[in-house]
Amino acid sequence: MGAISVMKVYQLIPKTNCKECGRSSCMAFAADLAKGKAKIEECPYLLEAKFSQQRKDLEEYLAPVLGDHETHIEIDGEKCDGCGVCILACPIEARYSEDVMSGKCPKYPLEEHLIFQIYDGKAKLVKLDNCRRLENDAEARNCSICESYCPQEAIKII
């Protein structure tokens, strides 16, 4: 699934503009839902039986945003050849390391913001807490760059 559409979320909510959710309008509520900054339960109308189908549709559509955000990354040591593409492709690694921004592996000792490091010729996950998938942004939570760029298909996001 791609990015969450604010308009699709808006179409699924009651559109009463009651402000009971604490926002200025239903469109503002829809935007916050799409970004993962609001919960469906904040709209009292979506708790009513007559809106149960809309609520179900919203829960299904917003599952990537509102669901369990636990992320696990596994690296298959048999497949990994230590090429470092996961480090170079990761937007977090590039955000904090000038070496990675210029296309090189970072200098060690490990910088505190990096996620992967090469040890003994294999990529190792050293700090999952920095992964974009844990950020409060729907687009970032769908990140799978390290997995998609791994030429050996050694990285799996679960």
Protein backbone atom coordinates (compact mmCIF):
# COMPACT_ATOMS: atom_id res chain seq x y z
CA MET A 1 0.00 0.00 0.00
CA GLY A 2 1.24 3.50 -0.77
CA ALA A 3 0.76 6.63 1.28
CA ILE A 4 -2.47 7.11 3.19
CA SER A 5 -4.83 9.50 1.35
CA VAL A 6 -6.37 12.23 3.50
CA MET A 7 -9.28 12.47 1.05
CA LYS A 8 -10.03 8.76 1.34
CA VAL A 9 -9.97 9.04 5.14
CA TYR A 10 -12.24 12.09 4.93
CA GLN A 11 -14.73 10.17 2.78
CA LEU A 12 -14.96 7.49 5.47
CA ILE A 13 -15.68 9.76 8.44
CA PRO A 14 -19.15 11.18 9.35
CA LYS A 15 -18.29 14.78 8.28
CA THR A 16 -20.29 16.52 11.02
CA ASN A 17 -17.66 19.21 11.77
CA CYS A 18 -18.76 18.95 15.41
CA LYS A 19 -15.25 19.64 16.79
CA GLU A 20 -15.81 17.03 19.53
CA CYS A 21 -12.52 15.39 18.51
CA GLY A 22 -10.67 18.58 19.42
CA ARG A 23 -9.94 19.61 15.83
CA SER A 24 -11.30 22.56 13.87
CA SER A 25 -12.99 20.38 11.23
CA CYS A 26 -13.47 16.85 10.03
CA MET A 27 -10.86 17.51 7.34
CA ALA A 28 -8.32 18.38 10.06
CA PHE A 29 -9.28 15.19 11.90
CA ALA A 30 -8.89 13.17 8.68
CA ALA A 31 -5.43 14.69 8.11
CA ASP A 32 -4.35 13.78 11.65
CA LEU A 33 -5.72 10.24 11.23
CA ALA A 34 -3.77 9.84 7.98
CA LYS A 35 -0.57 10.95 9.73
CA GLY A 36 -1.14 8.67 12.71
CA LYS A 37 -1.59 11.68 15.02
CA ALA A 38 -5.20 10.85 15.95
CA LYS A 39 -7.18 7.77 16.90
CA ILE A 40 -10.47 6.72 15.34
CA GLU A 41 -12.06 6.66 18.82
CA GLU A 42 -11.59 10.42 19.12
CA CYS A 43 -14.61 10.87 16.84
CA PRO A 44 -17.66 10.05 19.01
CA TYR A 45 -19.82 9.45 15.94
CA LEU A 46 -17.58 6.63 14.75
CA LEU A 47 -18.40 4.83 18.00
CA GLU A 48 -22.11 4.74 17.09
CA ALA A 49 -23.62 1.60 15.55
CA LYS A 50 -24.82 3.41 12.41
CA PHE A 51 -21.19 4.21 11.52
CA SER A 52 -19.84 0.72 12.30
CA GLN A 53 -19.12 -0.09 8.63
CA GLN A 54 -17.27 3.20 8.13
CA ARG A 55 -15.28 2.54 11.29
CA LYS A 56 -14.38 -0.96 10.07
CA ASP A 57 -13.32 0.43 6.69
CA LEU A 58 -11.23 3.11 8.40
CA GLU A 59 -9.55 0.59 10.70
CA GLU A 60 -8.66 -1.57 7.70
CA TYR A 61 -7.40 1.34 5.60
CA LEU A 62 -5.45 2.93 8.46
CA ALA A 63 -3.94 -0.32 9.78
CA PRO A 64 -0.40 0.67 8.66
CA VAL A 65 -0.74 3.94 10.58
CA LEU A 66 -2.74 2.94 13.64
CA GLY A 67 -1.76 -0.69 14.00
CA ASP A 68 1.09 -2.33 15.87
CA HIS A 69 4.27 -0.47 14.98
CA GLU A 70 6.64 -3.15 16.19
CA THR A 71 9.31 -3.73 13.57
CA HIS A 72 11.88 -6.46 13.37
CA ILE A 73 14.69 -6.67 10.86
CA GLU A 74 16.40 -9.98 10.28
CA ILE A 75 19.71 -10.37 8.47
CA ASP A 76 20.43 -13.81 7.05
CA GLY A 77 24.11 -14.39 7.85
CA GLU A 78 24.33 -17.08 5.17
CA LYS A 79 23.25 -14.70 2.40
CA CYS A 80 24.91 -11.47 3.62
CA ASP A 81 28.29 -10.82 2.01
CA GLY A 82 29.01 -7.59 3.92
CA CYS A 83 28.72 -5.35 0.86
CA GLY A 84 27.32 -2.47 2.95
CA VAL A 85 24.57 -1.49 0.51
CA CYS A 86 22.09 -1.50 3.43
CA ILE A 87 24.17 1.19 5.12
CA LEU A 88 24.51 3.31 2.00
CA ALA A 89 20.81 3.04 1.05
CA CYS A 90 19.36 3.77 4.50
CA PRO A 91 18.02 7.34 4.74
CA ILE A 92 18.78 7.47 8.47
CA GLU A 93 22.40 6.51 7.91
CA ALA A 94 22.71 9.27 5.28
CA ARG A 95 20.91 11.79 7.48
CA TYR A 96 23.54 11.56 10.21
CA SER A 97 26.76 10.46 8.50
CA GLU A 98 28.71 12.68 6.12
CA ASP A 99 30.58 9.60 4.91
CA VAL A 100 27.34 7.87 3.89
CA MET A 101 26.04 11.06 2.24
CA SER A 102 29.10 10.98 0.00
CA GLY A 103 28.64 7.29 -0.88
CA LYS A 104 31.08 5.71 1.58
CA CYS A 105 30.57 3.49 4.57
CA PRO A 106 30.76 5.41 7.85
CA LYS A 107 33.92 5.57 9.88
CA TYR A 108 33.83 3.59 13.05
CA PRO A 109 33.53 3.70 16.05
CA LEU A 110 29.82 3.59 15.44
CA GLU A 111 27.98 6.88 15.29
CA GLU A 112 25.03 6.84 17.68
CA HIS A 113 22.38 7.30 14.96
CA LEU A 114 23.41 4.49 12.65
CA ILE A 115 21.35 1.33 12.34
CA PHE A 116 23.66 -1.14 10.57
CA GLN A 117 27.36 -1.82 10.89
CA ILE A 118 29.67 -4.30 9.18
CA TYR A 119 31.30 -6.74 11.63
CA ASP A 120 33.52 -9.59 10.48
CA GLY A 121 32.38 -9.19 6.86
CA LYS A 122 28.63 -9.29 7.65
CA ALA A 123 26.01 -6.59 8.21
CA LYS A 124 24.74 -6.46 11.77
CA LEU A 125 21.76 -4.59 13.12
CA VAL A 126 23.12 -2.47 15.95
CA LYS A 127 20.44 0.13 16.74
CA LEU A 128 16.91 -0.61 15.52
CA ASP A 129 15.60 2.25 17.67
CA ASN A 130 16.80 4.67 14.96
CA CYS A 131 14.86 2.98 12.12
CA ARG A 132 12.41 5.15 10.14
CA ARG A 133 9.78 2.45 10.59
CA LEU A 134 9.48 3.57 14.21
CA GLU A 135 8.89 7.25 13.38
CA ASN A 136 5.44 8.81 13.82
CA ASP A 137 4.88 9.25 10.08
CA ALA A 138 2.91 6.84 7.93
CA GLU A 139 5.25 7.14 4.95
CA ALA A 140 8.33 6.54 7.09
CA ARG A 141 6.74 3.50 8.75
CA ASN A 142 6.37 1.90 5.34
CA CYS A 143 10.10 2.24 4.63
CA SER A 144 11.74 -0.93 3.34
CA ILE A 145 14.76 0.58 1.58
CA CYS A 146 17.35 -1.63 3.29
CA GLU A 147 15.38 -4.75 2.35
CA SER A 148 14.71 -3.69 -1.25
CA TYR A 149 18.29 -2.57 -1.96
CA CYS A 150 20.04 -5.62 -0.50
CA PRO A 151 21.53 -7.35 -3.57
CA GLN A 152 21.79 -10.67 -1.71
CA GLU A 153 18.19 -10.49 -0.37
CA ALA A 154 19.64 -11.07 3.10
CA ILE A 155 17.49 -8.47 4.89
CA LYS A 156 13.87 -9.19 5.79
CA ILE A 157 11.57 -6.73 7.51
CA ILE A 158 8.97 -8.41 9.68
